[in-house]
Amino acid sequence: MNNYYYIVASLPVLSHEWKPGEQTPDIIRHEILEQCSEKDCRTIGMLEKGFTDENLTADFYRQALADKNRFIREYFRFDLDVRNAKVRYLNEALGRDPEKDVIILDEEDSHDGFGEASRLDTILHGKDILERERGIDDLMWEKIDEMTTYDYFDIEAILGFLAKLHIVERWYILDEKTGREMFRRLVDEVRGTFKGVRFNAK
């Protein structure tokens, strides 16, 4: 991993009313890239590509699932499973063919065969829209934690941080208070790891 220490040192000092002022998520991402090797920048670029909706095609997922980096493969496998489940839920709500607009890469993708399918289904059928969104993002956050359990000073740790940063950034748009809370949680987790301890923020 390249200059992991810089990532921790560059995080803003948080207060109860912290807001993304001059040090926005885009600036944080840019500063991380400046400290990474060319190879790691390409890997980060692949991750970032997956946060733009128009890029999320079958070809993109095939490329991601064949990537040399373990985090990229596992993250986008889970991301595809979650997105397909959401599409099936919307199709059900609209009375459409459940497989309409679902991205199928192989026979295994024709159903929700991933381990979190039941929990995700419960989340999707919740009545409160914001609670549904928070539930899905909590599920993604926990999956990122699972994928990076033994990653401390490597590119996978950075990728996990950046994936969580996108979750936080989205919540500033949906709900600023929740966004602040999630950013504080992210900073606490990273600083806990930096000290050599897996810190489980509450």
Protein backbone atom coordinates (compact mmCIF):
# COMPACT_ATOMS: atom_id res chain seq x y z
CA MET A 1 0.00 0.00 0.00
CA ASN A 2 1.24 3.47 -0.82
CA ASN A 3 1.36 6.08 1.94
CA TYR A 4 -1.54 4.77 3.99
CA TYR A 5 -0.39 7.04 6.81
CA TYR A 6 -1.09 10.09 4.66
CA ILE A 7 -4.75 9.11 4.31
CA VAL A 8 -5.21 9.14 8.08
CA ALA A 9 -3.21 12.34 8.53
CA SER A 10 -5.20 14.14 5.84
CA LEU A 11 -8.63 13.41 7.30
CA PRO A 12 -10.39 16.48 8.72
CA VAL A 13 -10.74 17.05 12.44
CA LEU A 14 -14.40 16.41 13.19
CA SER A 15 -16.74 18.23 15.52
CA HIS A 16 -20.39 17.51 16.29
CA GLU A 17 -21.47 19.90 13.54
CA TRP A 18 -18.79 18.89 11.04
CA LYS A 19 -19.60 19.54 7.40
CA PRO A 20 -17.60 18.83 4.23
CA GLY A 21 -16.16 22.32 3.78
CA GLU A 22 -13.01 22.85 1.81
CA GLN A 23 -11.90 19.23 2.19
CA THR A 24 -14.66 17.60 0.15
CA PRO A 25 -14.78 13.88 -0.70
CA ASP A 26 -13.47 14.73 -4.18
CA ILE A 27 -10.46 16.46 -2.66
CA ILE A 28 -9.86 13.54 -0.30
CA ARG A 29 -9.95 11.13 -3.25
CA HIS A 30 -7.57 13.34 -5.24
CA GLU A 31 -5.10 13.52 -2.34
CA ILE A 32 -5.18 9.73 -1.98
CA LEU A 33 -4.47 9.26 -5.69
CA GLU A 34 -1.50 11.62 -5.46
CA GLN A 35 0.10 9.29 -2.93
CA CYS A 36 -0.51 6.06 -4.86
CA SER A 37 1.54 4.22 -7.45
CA GLU A 38 0.47 4.08 -11.07
CA LYS A 39 -0.74 0.52 -10.60
CA ASP A 40 -2.82 1.38 -7.54
CA CYS A 41 -4.25 4.43 -9.32
CA ARG A 42 -5.49 2.18 -12.11
CA THR A 43 -7.12 -0.12 -9.56
CA ILE A 44 -8.74 2.85 -7.83
CA GLY A 45 -9.90 4.07 -11.24
CA MET A 46 -11.70 0.78 -11.78
CA LEU A 47 -13.47 1.14 -8.45
CA GLU A 48 -14.44 4.75 -9.14
CA LYS A 49 -15.80 3.81 -12.55
CA GLY A 50 -18.36 1.64 -10.79
CA PHE A 51 -19.90 4.65 -9.02
CA THR A 52 -21.21 6.19 -12.23
CA ASP A 53 -24.57 4.70 -13.19
CA GLU A 54 -24.08 4.77 -16.93
CA ASN A 55 -20.94 2.62 -16.56
CA LEU A 56 -22.79 -0.22 -14.85
CA THR A 57 -23.27 -2.43 -17.88
CA ALA A 58 -22.84 -6.17 -18.26
CA ASP A 59 -19.45 -5.54 -19.90
CA PHE A 60 -18.31 -3.48 -16.91
CA TYR A 61 -19.28 -6.19 -14.43
CA ARG A 62 -17.56 -8.86 -16.53
CA GLN A 63 -14.41 -6.76 -16.50
CA ALA A 64 -14.66 -6.10 -12.76
CA LEU A 65 -15.27 -9.75 -11.89
CA ALA A 66 -12.16 -10.70 -13.90
CA ASP A 67 -9.96 -8.01 -12.30
CA LYS A 68 -6.69 -9.09 -10.67
CA ASN A 69 -7.56 -7.24 -7.46
CA ARG A 70 -9.53 -9.30 -4.94
CA PHE A 71 -11.49 -6.37 -3.53
CA ILE A 72 -12.62 -5.24 -6.98
CA ARG A 73 -13.87 -8.73 -7.81
CA GLU A 74 -15.68 -9.28 -4.52
CA TYR A 75 -17.12 -5.78 -4.22
CA PHE A 76 -18.65 -5.70 -7.68
CA ARG A 77 -19.93 -9.27 -7.39
CA PHE A 78 -21.86 -8.13 -4.32
CA ASP A 79 -22.82 -4.82 -5.93
CA LEU A 80 -24.30 -6.67 -8.91
CA ASP A 81 -26.24 -9.03 -6.63
CA VAL A 82 -27.67 -6.08 -4.70
CA ARG A 83 -28.56 -4.09 -7.82
CA ASN A 84 -30.26 -7.08 -9.42
CA ALA A 85 -32.27 -7.64 -6.24
CA LYS A 86 -33.35 -3.99 -6.26
CA VAL A 87 -34.42 -4.24 -9.91
CA ARG A 88 -36.44 -7.38 -9.17
CA TYR A 89 -38.10 -5.64 -6.24
CA LEU A 90 -39.07 -2.66 -8.42
CA ASN A 91 -40.36 -4.97 -11.12
CA GLU A 92 -42.49 -6.75 -8.55
CA ALA A 93 -43.86 -3.43 -7.27
CA LEU A 94 -44.71 -2.34 -10.81
CA GLY A 95 -46.20 -5.68 -11.84
CA ARG A 96 -43.55 -6.27 -14.51
CA ASP A 97 -41.52 -9.32 -15.50
CA PRO A 98 -39.17 -9.81 -12.50
CA GLU A 99 -36.19 -10.34 -14.82
CA LYS A 100 -36.71 -7.15 -16.84
CA ASP A 101 -33.50 -5.03 -16.86
CA VAL A 102 -31.64 -7.51 -14.63
CA ILE A 103 -27.98 -7.96 -15.62
CA ILE A 104 -27.30 -11.65 -16.20
CA LEU A 105 -23.66 -12.69 -16.61
CA ASP A 106 -24.11 -16.44 -16.19
CA GLU A 107 -26.69 -18.98 -15.06
CA GLU A 108 -25.95 -18.33 -11.38
CA ASP A 109 -27.13 -14.74 -11.81
CA SER A 110 -30.67 -15.81 -12.69
CA HIS A 111 -31.67 -15.80 -9.03
CA ASP A 112 -30.71 -14.14 -5.73
CA GLY A 113 -28.27 -16.80 -4.62
CA PHE A 114 -26.03 -14.61 -2.49
CA GLY A 115 -25.92 -15.02 1.28
CA GLU A 116 -27.51 -11.68 2.16
CA ALA A 117 -30.52 -12.13 -0.16
CA SER A 118 -33.03 -12.72 2.63
CA ARG A 119 -31.87 -9.72 4.68
CA LEU A 120 -31.85 -7.50 1.61
CA ASP A 121 -35.38 -8.62 0.70
CA THR A 122 -36.58 -7.58 4.17
CA ILE A 123 -34.88 -4.19 3.77
CA LEU A 124 -36.39 -3.61 0.32
CA HIS A 125 -39.90 -4.32 1.57
CA GLY A 126 -39.64 -1.72 4.32
CA LYS A 127 -42.14 1.14 4.09
CA ASP A 128 -39.84 4.10 4.82
CA ILE A 129 -37.77 5.10 1.79
CA LEU A 130 -34.87 6.61 3.75
CA GLU A 131 -34.77 3.61 6.07
CA ARG A 132 -34.60 1.33 3.04
CA GLU A 133 -31.70 3.31 1.62
CA ARG A 134 -29.92 3.33 4.98
CA GLY A 135 -30.47 -0.41 5.34
CA ILE A 136 -28.95 -1.13 1.93
CA ASP A 137 -25.96 1.11 2.63
CA ASP A 138 -25.46 -0.49 6.05
CA LEU A 139 -25.43 -3.86 4.28
CA MET A 140 -22.82 -2.59 1.81
CA TRP A 141 -20.75 -1.10 4.64
CA GLU A 142 -20.76 -4.40 6.54
CA LYS A 143 -19.79 -6.28 3.38
CA ILE A 144 -16.84 -3.93 2.86
CA ASP A 145 -15.77 -4.59 6.47
CA GLU A 146 -16.00 -8.32 5.83
CA MET A 147 -13.91 -8.05 2.67
CA THR A 148 -11.19 -6.02 4.40
CA THR A 149 -11.11 -7.75 7.80
CA TYR A 150 -7.39 -8.55 7.52
CA ASP A 151 -6.37 -5.56 5.40
CA TYR A 152 -4.54 -2.78 7.20
CA PHE A 153 -1.75 -1.28 5.13
CA ASP A 154 -2.54 -2.33 1.56
CA ILE A 155 -4.52 -1.26 -1.48
CA GLU A 156 -7.58 -3.24 -0.34
CA ALA A 157 -7.79 -1.06 2.78
CA ILE A 158 -7.73 2.04 0.59
CA LEU A 159 -10.38 0.63 -1.74
CA GLY A 160 -12.61 -0.16 1.21
CA PHE A 161 -12.19 3.38 2.55
CA LEU A 162 -13.05 4.90 -0.83
CA ALA A 163 -16.11 2.68 -1.26
CA LYS A 164 -17.37 3.79 2.15
CA LEU A 165 -16.60 7.42 1.30
CA HIS A 166 -19.03 7.16 -1.61
CA ILE A 167 -21.73 5.91 0.78
CA VAL A 168 -21.07 8.86 3.08
CA GLU A 169 -21.11 11.31 0.17
CA ARG A 170 -24.48 10.04 -1.01
CA TRP A 171 -25.96 10.56 2.44
CA TYR A 172 -25.00 14.22 2.46
CA ILE A 173 -27.42 14.54 -0.44
CA LEU A 174 -30.14 12.39 1.14
CA ASP A 175 -29.77 13.45 4.77
CA GLU A 176 -26.99 15.73 6.01
CA LYS A 177 -27.15 14.63 9.65
CA THR A 178 -26.81 10.97 8.70
CA GLY A 179 -23.97 11.88 6.34
CA ARG A 180 -22.06 13.57 9.16
CA GLU A 181 -22.59 10.58 11.44
CA MET A 182 -21.38 8.14 8.79
CA PHE A 183 -18.31 10.21 8.01
CA ARG A 184 -17.43 10.32 11.70
CA ARG A 185 -17.81 6.55 11.83
CA LEU A 186 -15.54 6.16 8.79
CA VAL A 187 -12.83 8.38 10.28
CA ASP A 188 -12.98 6.54 13.61
CA GLU A 189 -12.64 3.19 11.85
CA VAL A 190 -9.63 4.27 9.82
CA ARG A 191 -7.89 5.90 12.77
CA GLY A 192 -8.56 2.79 14.87
CA THR A 193 -6.99 0.62 12.19
CA PHE A 194 -4.08 3.05 11.89
CA LYS A 195 -3.28 2.41 15.56
CA GLY A 196 -3.07 -1.31 14.78
CA VAL A 197 -6.48 -2.21 16.19
CA ARG A 198 -9.63 -3.17 14.32
CA PHE A 199 -11.96 -0.51 15.69
CA ASN A 200 -15.66 -1.31 15.50
CA ALA A 201 -17.44 2.04 15.59
CA LYS A 202 -20.87 2.11 17.17
